[in-house]
């Protein structure tokens, strides 16, 4: 359930569009470098961003990770190695 007003959601949308344009207009070799700074800017300009709010909830995080692991389990073998980093926040999942 989202606890943001329509205006807050619209502002979030406008920020995302603006920053997506910034990435699209950047030269190809610079785009990858831009992602980190763009996400930082999104989180500064949208303080009620759902990912920031979700990050604050350890219970929600644990539930999401449990669900993801359940989904991945059939694809894993004892010799499988993988790493997950949450792209938007570069956080290690809590396991």
PDB file of N, CA and C in Angstrom:
ATOM      1  N   UNK A   1       0.844  -1.177   0.000  1.00  0.00           N
ATOM      2  CA  UNK A   1       0.000   0.000   0.000  1.00  0.00           C
ATOM      3  C   UNK A   1       0.888   1.238   0.000  1.00  0.00           C
ATOM      4  N   UNK A   2       0.578   2.133  -0.873  1.00  0.00           N
ATOM      5  CA  UNK A   2       1.359   3.353  -0.989  1.00  0.00           C
ATOM      6  C   UNK A   2       0.733   4.457  -0.154  1.00  0.00           C
ATOM      7  N   UNK A   3       1.566   5.127   0.640  1.00  0.00           N
ATOM      8  CA  UNK A   3       1.085   6.200   1.512  1.00  0.00           C
ATOM      9  C   UNK A   3       1.503   7.572   0.996  1.00  0.00           C
ATOM     10  N   UNK A   4       1.634   7.698  -0.309  1.00  0.00           N
ATOM     11  CA  UNK A   4       2.017   8.992  -0.876  1.00  0.00           C
ATOM     12  C   UNK A   4       0.799   9.642  -1.524  1.00  0.00           C
ATOM     13  N   UNK A   5       0.849  10.956  -1.566  1.00  0.00           N
ATOM     14  CA  UNK A   5      -0.223  11.686  -2.241  1.00  0.00           C
ATOM     15  C   UNK A   5      -0.009  11.586  -3.752  1.00  0.00           C
ATOM     16  N   UNK A   6      -1.036  11.926  -4.492  1.00  0.00           N
ATOM     17  CA  UNK A   6      -0.904  11.945  -5.955  1.00  0.00           C
ATOM     18  C   UNK A   6       0.189  12.918  -6.384  1.00  0.00           C
ATOM     19  N   UNK A   7       0.270  14.057  -5.723  1.00  0.00           N
ATOM     20  CA  UNK A   7       1.289  15.053  -6.066  1.00  0.00           C
ATOM     21  C   UNK A   7       2.701  14.505  -5.808  1.00  0.00           C
ATOM     22  N   UNK A   8       2.886  13.782  -4.706  1.00  0.00           N
ATOM     23  CA  UNK A   8       4.200  13.182  -4.410  1.00  0.00           C
ATOM     24  C   UNK A   8       4.557  12.132  -5.462  1.00  0.00           C
ATOM     25  N   UNK A   9       3.588  11.333  -5.849  1.00  0.00           N
ATOM     26  CA  UNK A   9       3.829  10.321  -6.886  1.00  0.00           C
ATOM     27  C   UNK A   9       4.146  10.979  -8.224  1.00  0.00           C
ATOM     28  N   UNK A  10       3.437  12.055  -8.542  1.00  0.00           N
ATOM     29  CA  UNK A  10       3.685  12.773  -9.785  1.00  0.00           C
ATOM     30  C   UNK A  10       5.078  13.406  -9.781  1.00  0.00           C
ATOM     31  N   UNK A  11       5.474  13.969  -8.658  1.00  0.00           N
ATOM     32  CA  UNK A  11       6.818  14.544  -8.547  1.00  0.00           C
ATOM     33  C   UNK A  11       7.872  13.456  -8.716  1.00  0.00           C
ATOM     34  N   UNK A  12       7.659  12.309  -8.128  1.00  0.00           N
ATOM     35  CA  UNK A  12       8.571  11.177  -8.273  1.00  0.00           C
ATOM     36  C   UNK A  12       8.688  10.812  -9.755  1.00  0.00           C
ATOM     37  N   UNK A  13       7.568  10.718 -10.437  1.00  0.00           N
ATOM     38  CA  UNK A  13       7.550  10.398 -11.863  1.00  0.00           C
ATOM     39  C   UNK A  13       8.368  11.426 -12.652  1.00  0.00           C
ATOM     40  N   UNK A  14       8.148  12.698 -12.372  1.00  0.00           N
ATOM     41  CA  UNK A  14       8.859  13.760 -13.097  1.00  0.00           C
ATOM     42  C   UNK A  14      10.379  13.671 -12.888  1.00  0.00           C
ATOM     43  N   UNK A  15      10.787  13.377 -11.675  1.00  0.00           N
ATOM     44  CA  UNK A  15      12.218  13.229 -11.383  1.00  0.00           C
ATOM     45  C   UNK A  15      12.785  12.053 -12.167  1.00  0.00           C
ATOM     46  N   UNK A  16      12.075  10.924 -12.151  1.00  0.00           N
ATOM     47  CA  UNK A  16      12.548   9.733 -12.872  1.00  0.00           C
ATOM     48  C   UNK A  16      12.666  10.009 -14.368  1.00  0.00           C
ATOM     49  N   UNK A  17      11.686  10.692 -14.942  1.00  0.00           N
ATOM     50  CA  UNK A  17      11.724  11.005 -16.377  1.00  0.00           C
ATOM     51  C   UNK A  17      12.907  11.919 -16.691  1.00  0.00           C
ATOM     52  N   UNK A  18      13.082  12.939 -15.874  1.00  0.00           N
ATOM     53  CA  UNK A  18      14.189  13.870 -16.080  1.00  0.00           C
ATOM     54  C   UNK A  18      15.534  13.156 -16.048  1.00  0.00           C
ATOM     55  N   UNK A  19      15.713  12.295 -15.061  1.00  0.00           N
ATOM     56  CA  UNK A  19      16.998  11.621 -14.913  1.00  0.00           C
ATOM     57  C   UNK A  19      17.188  10.516 -15.949  1.00  0.00           C
ATOM     58  N   UNK A  20      16.107   9.888 -16.373  1.00  0.00           N
ATOM     59  CA  UNK A  20      16.206   8.897 -17.452  1.00  0.00           C
ATOM     60  C   UNK A  20      16.653   9.579 -18.740  1.00  0.00           C
ATOM     61  N   UNK A  21      16.132  10.767 -18.985  1.00  0.00           N
ATOM     62  CA  UNK A  21      16.565  11.541 -20.158  1.00  0.00           C
ATOM     63  C   UNK A  21      18.058  11.864 -20.071  1.00  0.00           C
ATOM     64  N   UNK A  22      18.510  12.186 -18.877  1.00  0.00           N
ATOM     65  CA  UNK A  22      19.933  12.494 -18.670  1.00  0.00           C
ATOM     66  C   UNK A  22      20.789  11.288 -19.063  1.00  0.00           C
ATOM     67  N   UNK A  23      20.345  10.097 -18.672  1.00  0.00           N
ATOM     68  CA  UNK A  23      21.092   8.878 -19.011  1.00  0.00           C
ATOM     69  C   UNK A  23      21.018   8.620 -20.514  1.00  0.00           C
ATOM     70  N   UNK A  24      19.821   8.736 -21.088  1.00  0.00           N
ATOM     71  CA  UNK A  24      19.652   8.486 -22.523  1.00  0.00           C
ATOM     72  C   UNK A  24      20.496   9.433 -23.375  1.00  0.00           C
ATOM     73  N   UNK A  25      20.638  10.671 -22.953  1.00  0.00           N
ATOM     74  CA  UNK A  25      21.361  11.673 -23.735  1.00  0.00           C
ATOM     75  C   UNK A  25      22.877  11.596 -23.536  1.00  0.00           C
ATOM     76  N   UNK A  26      23.305  10.884 -22.535  1.00  0.00           N
ATOM     77  CA  UNK A  26      24.742  10.763 -22.265  1.00  0.00           C
ATOM     78  C   UNK A  26      25.394   9.861 -23.313  1.00  0.00           C
ATOM     79  N   UNK A  27      26.654  10.127 -23.615  1.00  0.00           N
ATOM     80  CA  UNK A  27      27.379   9.216 -24.507  1.00  0.00           C
ATOM     81  C   UNK A  27      27.399   7.803 -23.923  1.00  0.00           C
ATOM     82  N   UNK A  28      27.342   6.844 -24.790  1.00  0.00           N
ATOM     83  CA  UNK A  28      27.229   5.436 -24.376  1.00  0.00           C
ATOM     84  C   UNK A  28      28.250   5.056 -23.299  1.00  0.00           C
ATOM     85  N   UNK A  29      29.502   5.484 -23.462  1.00  0.00           N
ATOM     86  CA  UNK A  29      30.559   5.088 -22.519  1.00  0.00           C
ATOM     87  C   UNK A  29      30.400   5.734 -21.142  1.00  0.00           C
ATOM     88  N   UNK A  30      29.589   6.767 -21.036  1.00  0.00           N
ATOM     89  CA  UNK A  30      29.378   7.437 -19.747  1.00  0.00           C
ATOM     90  C   UNK A  30      28.135   6.948 -19.007  1.00  0.00           C
ATOM     91  N   UNK A  31      27.262   6.259 -19.699  1.00  0.00           N
ATOM     92  CA  UNK A  31      25.974   5.877 -19.094  1.00  0.00           C
ATOM     93  C   UNK A  31      26.133   5.033 -17.841  1.00  0.00           C
ATOM     94  N   UNK A  32      26.975   4.039 -17.916  1.00  0.00           N
ATOM     95  CA  UNK A  32      27.138   3.142 -16.766  1.00  0.00           C
ATOM     96  C   UNK A  32      27.602   3.912 -15.535  1.00  0.00           C
ATOM     97  N   UNK A  33      28.497   4.862 -15.721  1.00  0.00           N
ATOM     98  CA  UNK A  33      28.990   5.671 -14.606  1.00  0.00           C
ATOM     99  C   UNK A  33      27.888   6.549 -14.015  1.00  0.00           C
ATOM    100  N   UNK A  34      26.933   6.932 -14.843  1.00  0.00           N
ATOM    101  CA  UNK A  34      25.866   7.826 -14.393  1.00  0.00           C
ATOM    102  C   UNK A  34      24.869   7.153 -13.446  1.00  0.00           C
ATOM    103  N   UNK A  35      24.700   5.854 -13.555  1.00  0.00           N
ATOM    104  CA  UNK A  35      23.651   5.182 -12.788  1.00  0.00           C
ATOM    105  C   UNK A  35      23.742   5.451 -11.290  1.00  0.00           C
ATOM    106  N   UNK A  36      24.917   5.342 -10.721  1.00  0.00           N
ATOM    107  CA  UNK A  36      25.065   5.547  -9.279  1.00  0.00           C
ATOM    108  C   UNK A  36      24.667   6.960  -8.898  1.00  0.00           C
ATOM    109  N   UNK A  37      25.185   7.951  -9.626  1.00  0.00           N
ATOM    110  CA  UNK A  37      24.855   9.335  -9.271  1.00  0.00           C
ATOM    111  C   UNK A  37      23.387   9.647  -9.513  1.00  0.00           C
ATOM    112  N   UNK A  38      22.811   9.052 -10.541  1.00  0.00           N
ATOM    113  CA  UNK A  38      21.387   9.280 -10.819  1.00  0.00           C
ATOM    114  C   UNK A  38      20.531   8.701  -9.703  1.00  0.00           C
ATOM    115  N   UNK A  39      20.845   7.495  -9.249  1.00  0.00           N
ATOM    116  CA  UNK A  39      20.072   6.916  -8.138  1.00  0.00           C
ATOM    117  C   UNK A  39      20.234   7.750  -6.867  1.00  0.00           C
ATOM    118  N   UNK A  40      21.431   8.221  -6.613  1.00  0.00           N
ATOM    119  CA  UNK A  40      21.630   9.085  -5.444  1.00  0.00           C
ATOM    120  C   UNK A  40      20.761  10.331  -5.546  1.00  0.00           C
ATOM    121  N   UNK A  41      20.697  10.897  -6.746  1.00  0.00           N
ATOM    122  CA  UNK A  41      19.879  12.094  -6.944  1.00  0.00           C
ATOM    123  C   UNK A  41      18.389  11.789  -6.781  1.00  0.00           C
ATOM    124  N   UNK A  42      17.958  10.653  -7.296  1.00  0.00           N
ATOM    125  CA  UNK A  42      16.546  10.264  -7.119  1.00  0.00           C
ATOM    126  C   UNK A  42      16.222  10.197  -5.639  1.00  0.00           C
ATOM    127  N   UNK A  43      17.050   9.536  -4.862  1.00  0.00           N
ATOM    128  CA  UNK A  43      16.761   9.362  -3.439  1.00  0.00           C
ATOM    129  C   UNK A  43      16.839  10.678  -2.670  1.00  0.00           C
ATOM    130  N   UNK A  44      17.656  11.617  -3.131  1.00  0.00           N
ATOM    131  CA  UNK A  44      17.693  12.939  -2.487  1.00  0.00           C
ATOM    132  C   UNK A  44      16.443  13.734  -2.811  1.00  0.00           C
ATOM    133  N   UNK A  45      16.022  13.668  -4.070  1.00  0.00           N
ATOM    134  CA  UNK A  45      14.894  14.485  -4.513  1.00  0.00           C
ATOM    135  C   UNK A  45      13.536  13.846  -4.232  1.00  0.00           C
ATOM    136  N   UNK A  46      13.539  12.544  -3.943  1.00  0.00           N
ATOM    137  CA  UNK A  46      12.287  11.838  -3.628  1.00  0.00           C
ATOM    138  C   UNK A  46      12.484  11.136  -2.283  1.00  0.00           C
ATOM    139  N   UNK A  47      12.418  11.892  -1.188  1.00  0.00           N
ATOM    140  CA  UNK A  47      12.715  11.313   0.128  1.00  0.00           C
ATOM    141  C   UNK A  47      11.722  10.229   0.569  1.00  0.00           C
ATOM    142  N   UNK A  48      10.552  10.200  -0.045  1.00  0.00           N
ATOM    143  CA  UNK A  48       9.588   9.154   0.297  1.00  0.00           C
ATOM    144  C   UNK A  48       9.546   8.075  -0.793  1.00  0.00           C
ATOM    145  N   UNK A  49      10.683   7.871  -1.448  1.00  0.00           N
ATOM    146  CA  UNK A  49      10.792   6.841  -2.489  1.00  0.00           C
ATOM    147  C   UNK A  49      10.477   5.483  -1.866  1.00  0.00           C
ATOM    148  N   UNK A  50       9.665   4.672  -2.544  1.00  0.00           N
ATOM    149  CA  UNK A  50       9.291   3.366  -1.981  1.00  0.00           C
ATOM    150  C   UNK A  50      10.482   2.492  -1.594  1.00  0.00           C
ATOM    151  N   UNK A  51      11.578   2.563  -2.350  1.00  0.00           N
ATOM    152  CA  UNK A  51      12.740   1.742  -1.991  1.00  0.00           C
ATOM    153  C   UNK A  51      13.375   2.204  -0.686  1.00  0.00           C
ATOM    154  N   UNK A  52      13.355   3.486  -0.432  1.00  0.00           N
ATOM    155  CA  UNK A  52      13.895   3.975   0.844  1.00  0.00           C
ATOM    156  C   UNK A  52      13.005   3.531   1.993  1.00  0.00           C
ATOM    157  N   UNK A  53      11.714   3.581   1.773  1.00  0.00           N
ATOM    158  CA  UNK A  53      10.781   3.169   2.822  1.00  0.00           C
ATOM    159  C   UNK A  53      10.865   1.661   3.044  1.00  0.00           C
ATOM    160  N   UNK A  54      10.993   0.917   1.953  1.00  0.00           N
ATOM    161  CA  UNK A  54      11.087  -0.543   2.051  1.00  0.00           C
ATOM    162  C   UNK A  54      12.393  -0.930   2.735  1.00  0.00           C
ATOM    163  N   UNK A  55      13.460  -0.193   2.434  1.00  0.00           N
ATOM    164  CA  UNK A  55      14.765  -0.456   3.048  1.00  0.00           C
ATOM    165  C   UNK A  55      14.681  -0.351   4.563  1.00  0.00           C
ATOM    166  N   UNK A  56      13.833   0.547   5.036  1.00  0.00           N
ATOM    167  CA  UNK A  56      13.696   0.752   6.471  1.00  0.00           C
ATOM    168  C   UNK A  56      12.977  -0.401   7.160  1.00  0.00           C
ATOM    169  N   UNK A  57      12.338  -1.251   6.390  1.00  0.00           N
ATOM    170  CA  UNK A  57      11.561  -2.333   6.980  1.00  0.00           C
ATOM    171  C   UNK A  57      12.305  -3.662   6.858  1.00  0.00           C
ATOM    172  N   UNK A  58      12.924  -4.091   7.926  1.00  0.00           N
ATOM    173  CA  UNK A  58      13.668  -5.357   7.922  1.00  0.00           C
ATOM    174  C   UNK A  58      12.747  -6.543   7.682  1.00  0.00           C
ATOM    175  N   UNK A  59      11.550  -6.485   8.208  1.00  0.00           N
ATOM    176  CA  UNK A  59      10.590  -7.587   8.027  1.00  0.00           C
ATOM    177  C   UNK A  59      10.246  -7.730   6.554  1.00  0.00           C
ATOM    178  N   UNK A  60       9.987  -6.614   5.893  1.00  0.00           N
ATOM    179  CA  UNK A  60       9.674  -6.652   4.471  1.00  0.00           C
ATOM    180  C   UNK A  60      10.849  -7.199   3.683  1.00  0.00           C
ATOM    181  N   UNK A  61      12.053  -6.751   4.017  1.00  0.00           N
ATOM    182  CA  UNK A  61      13.250  -7.202   3.329  1.00  0.00           C
ATOM    183  C   UNK A  61      13.434  -8.711   3.489  1.00  0.00           C
ATOM    184  N   UNK A  62      13.267  -9.206   4.690  1.00  0.00           N
ATOM    185  CA  UNK A  62      13.408 -10.639   4.945  1.00  0.00           C
ATOM    186  C   UNK A  62      12.385 -11.424   4.132  1.00  0.00           C
ATOM    187  N   UNK A  63      11.166 -10.937   4.093  1.00  0.00           N
ATOM    188  CA  UNK A  63      10.122 -11.610   3.321  1.00  0.00           C
ATOM    189  C   UNK A  63      10.429 -11.639   1.839  1.00  0.00           C
ATOM    190  N   UNK A  64      10.938 -10.533   1.310  1.00  0.00           N
ATOM    191  CA  UNK A  64      11.290 -10.482  -0.116  1.00  0.00           C
ATOM    192  C   UNK A  64      12.427 -11.442  -0.419  1.00  0.00           C
ATOM    193  N   UNK A  65      13.441 -11.458   0.422  1.00  0.00           N
ATOM    194  CA  UNK A  65      14.582 -12.342   0.191  1.00  0.00           C
ATOM    195  C   UNK A  65      14.138 -13.804   0.261  1.00  0.00           C
ATOM    196  N   UNK A  66      13.313 -14.133   1.239  1.00  0.00           N
ATOM    197  CA  UNK A  66      12.810 -15.504   1.368  1.00  0.00           C
ATOM    198  C   UNK A  66      12.061 -15.918   0.107  1.00  0.00           C
ATOM    199  N   UNK A  67      11.236 -15.043  -0.399  1.00  0.00           N
ATOM    200  CA  UNK A  67      10.477 -15.322  -1.622  1.00  0.00           C
ATOM    201  C   UNK A  67      11.414 -15.512  -2.816  1.00  0.00           C
ATOM    202  N   UNK A  68      12.428 -14.672  -2.912  1.00  0.00           N
ATOM    203  CA  UNK A  68      13.379 -14.779  -4.026  1.00  0.00           C
ATOM    204  C   UNK A  68      14.172 -16.080  -3.949  1.00  0.00           C
ATOM    205  N   UNK A  69      14.611 -16.446  -2.763  1.00  0.00           N
ATOM    206  CA  UNK A  69      15.375 -17.684  -2.586  1.00  0.00           C
ATOM    207  C   UNK A  69      14.500 -18.893  -2.942  1.00  0.00           C
ATOM    208  N   UNK A  70      13.248 -18.861  -2.527  1.00  0.00           N
ATOM    209  CA  UNK A  70      12.313 -19.943  -2.855  1.00  0.00           C
ATOM    210  C   UNK A  70      12.180 -20.074  -4.377  1.00  0.00           C
ATOM    211  N   UNK A  71      12.105 -18.946  -5.072  1.00  0.00           N
ATOM    212  CA  UNK A  71      12.017 -18.964  -6.529  1.00  0.00           C
ATOM    213  C   UNK A  71      13.288 -19.539  -7.155  1.00  0.00           C
ATOM    214  N   UNK A  72      14.452 -19.165  -6.642  1.00  0.00           N
ATOM    215  CA  UNK A  72      15.731 -19.564  -7.232  1.00  0.00           C
ATOM    216  C   UNK A  72      16.140 -21.003  -6.908  1.00  0.00           C
ATOM    217  N   UNK A  73      15.646 -21.520  -5.818  1.00  0.00           N
ATOM    218  CA  UNK A  73      16.103 -22.825  -5.311  1.00  0.00           C
ATOM    219  C   UNK A  73      16.121 -23.938  -6.375  1.00  0.00           C
ATOM    220  N   UNK A  74      15.099 -24.070  -7.221  1.00  0.00           N
ATOM    221  CA  UNK A  74      15.149 -25.140  -8.231  1.00  0.00           C
ATOM    222  C   UNK A  74      16.286 -24.996  -9.241  1.00  0.00           C
ATOM    223  N   UNK A  75      16.828 -23.794  -9.381  1.00  0.00           N
ATOM    224  CA  UNK A  75      17.882 -23.549 -10.358  1.00  0.00           C
ATOM    225  C   UNK A  75      19.283 -23.695  -9.762  1.00  0.00           C
ATOM    226  N   UNK A  76      19.370 -23.892  -8.463  1.00  0.00           N
ATOM    227  CA  UNK A  76      20.670 -23.930  -7.790  1.00  0.00           C
ATOM    228  C   UNK A  76      21.161 -25.355  -7.602  1.00  0.00           C
ATOM    229  N   UNK A  77      22.469 -25.503  -7.772  1.00  0.00           N
ATOM    230  CA  UNK A  77      23.135 -26.774  -7.501  1.00  0.00           C
ATOM    231  C   UNK A  77      24.224 -26.503  -6.468  1.00  0.00           C
ATOM    232  N   UNK A  78      24.779 -27.539  -5.876  1.00  0.00           N
ATOM    233  CA  UNK A  78      25.823 -27.296  -4.861  1.00  0.00           C
ATOM    234  C   UNK A  78      27.007 -26.484  -5.377  1.00  0.00           C
ATOM    235  N   UNK A  79      27.303 -26.553  -6.672  1.00  0.00           N
ATOM    236  CA  UNK A  79      28.448 -25.819  -7.204  1.00  0.00           C
ATOM    237  C   UNK A  79      28.069 -24.437  -7.776  1.00  0.00           C
ATOM    238  N   UNK A  80      26.819 -24.039  -7.608  1.00  0.00           N
ATOM    239  CA  UNK A  80      26.367 -22.739  -8.119  1.00  0.00           C
ATOM    240  C   UNK A  80      26.877 -21.618  -7.224  1.00  0.00           C
ATOM    241  N   UNK A  81      27.375 -20.586  -7.867  1.00  0.00           N
ATOM    242  CA  UNK A  81      27.827 -19.392  -7.148  1.00  0.00           C
ATOM    243  C   UNK A  81      27.082 -18.208  -7.738  1.00  0.00           C
ATOM    244  N   UNK A  82      26.494 -17.406  -6.872  1.00  0.00           N
ATOM    245  CA  UNK A  82      25.861 -16.186  -7.352  1.00  0.00           C
ATOM    246  C   UNK A  82      25.931 -15.126  -6.276  1.00  0.00           C
ATOM    247  N   UNK A  83      25.780 -13.897  -6.710  1.00  0.00           N
ATOM    248  CA  UNK A  83      25.784 -12.785  -5.781  1.00  0.00           C
ATOM    249  C   UNK A  83      24.648 -11.859  -6.170  1.00  0.00           C
ATOM    250  N   UNK A  84      23.956 -11.350  -5.194  1.00  0.00           N
ATOM    251  CA  UNK A  84      22.886 -10.397  -5.449  1.00  0.00           C
ATOM    252  C   UNK A  84      23.223  -9.094  -4.757  1.00  0.00           C
ATOM    253  N   UNK A  85      23.140  -8.012  -5.518  1.00  0.00           N
ATOM    254  CA  UNK A  85      23.285  -6.675  -4.968  1.00  0.00           C
ATOM    255  C   UNK A  85      22.062  -5.901  -5.436  1.00  0.00           C
ATOM    256  N   UNK A  86      21.380  -5.258  -4.503  1.00  0.00           N
ATOM    257  CA  UNK A  86      20.212  -4.483  -4.891  1.00  0.00           C
ATOM    258  C   UNK A  86      20.699  -3.284  -5.680  1.00  0.00           C
ATOM    259  N   UNK A  87      20.343  -3.243  -6.955  1.00  0.00           N
ATOM    260  CA  UNK A  87      20.884  -2.249  -7.869  1.00  0.00           C
ATOM    261  C   UNK A  87      20.667  -0.822  -7.402  1.00  0.00           C
ATOM    262  N   UNK A  88      19.475  -0.507  -6.994  1.00  0.00           N
ATOM    263  CA  UNK A  88      19.161   0.883  -6.667  1.00  0.00           C
ATOM    264  C   UNK A  88      19.926   1.400  -5.454  1.00  0.00           C
ATOM    265  N   UNK A  89      20.148   0.546  -4.483  1.00  0.00           N
ATOM    266  CA  UNK A  89      20.787   1.009  -3.260  1.00  0.00           C
ATOM    267  C   UNK A  89      22.165   0.392  -3.043  1.00  0.00           C
ATOM    268  N   UNK A  90      22.528  -0.578  -3.865  1.00  0.00           N
ATOM    269  CA  UNK A  90      23.801  -1.291  -3.739  1.00  0.00           C
ATOM    270  C   UNK A  90      23.955  -1.910  -2.352  1.00  0.00           C
ATOM    271  N   UNK A  91      22.866  -2.338  -1.794  1.00  0.00           N
ATOM    272  CA  UNK A  91      22.894  -2.999  -0.487  1.00  0.00           C
ATOM    273  C   UNK A  91      23.010  -4.504  -0.662  1.00  0.00           C
ATOM    274  N   UNK A  92      23.721  -5.129   0.253  1.00  0.00           N
ATOM    275  CA  UNK A  92      23.732  -6.581   0.308  1.00  0.00           C
ATOM    276  C   UNK A  92      22.434  -7.016   0.958  1.00  0.00           C
ATOM    277  N   UNK A  93      21.773  -8.009   0.396  1.00  0.00           N
ATOM    278  CA  UNK A  93      20.541  -8.480   1.046  1.00  0.00           C
ATOM    279  C   UNK A  93      20.862  -9.073   2.416  1.00  0.00           C
ATOM    280  N   UNK A  94      19.957  -8.931   3.332  1.00  0.00           N
ATOM    281  CA  UNK A  94      20.119  -9.517   4.667  1.00  0.00           C
ATOM    282  C   UNK A  94      19.644 -10.959   4.610  1.00  0.00           C
ATOM    283  N   UNK A  95      20.500 -11.886   4.959  1.00  0.00           N
ATOM    284  CA  UNK A  95      20.137 -13.312   4.925  1.00  0.00           C
ATOM    285  C   UNK A  95      20.340 -13.889   6.294  1.00  0.00           C
TER     286      UNK A  95
END
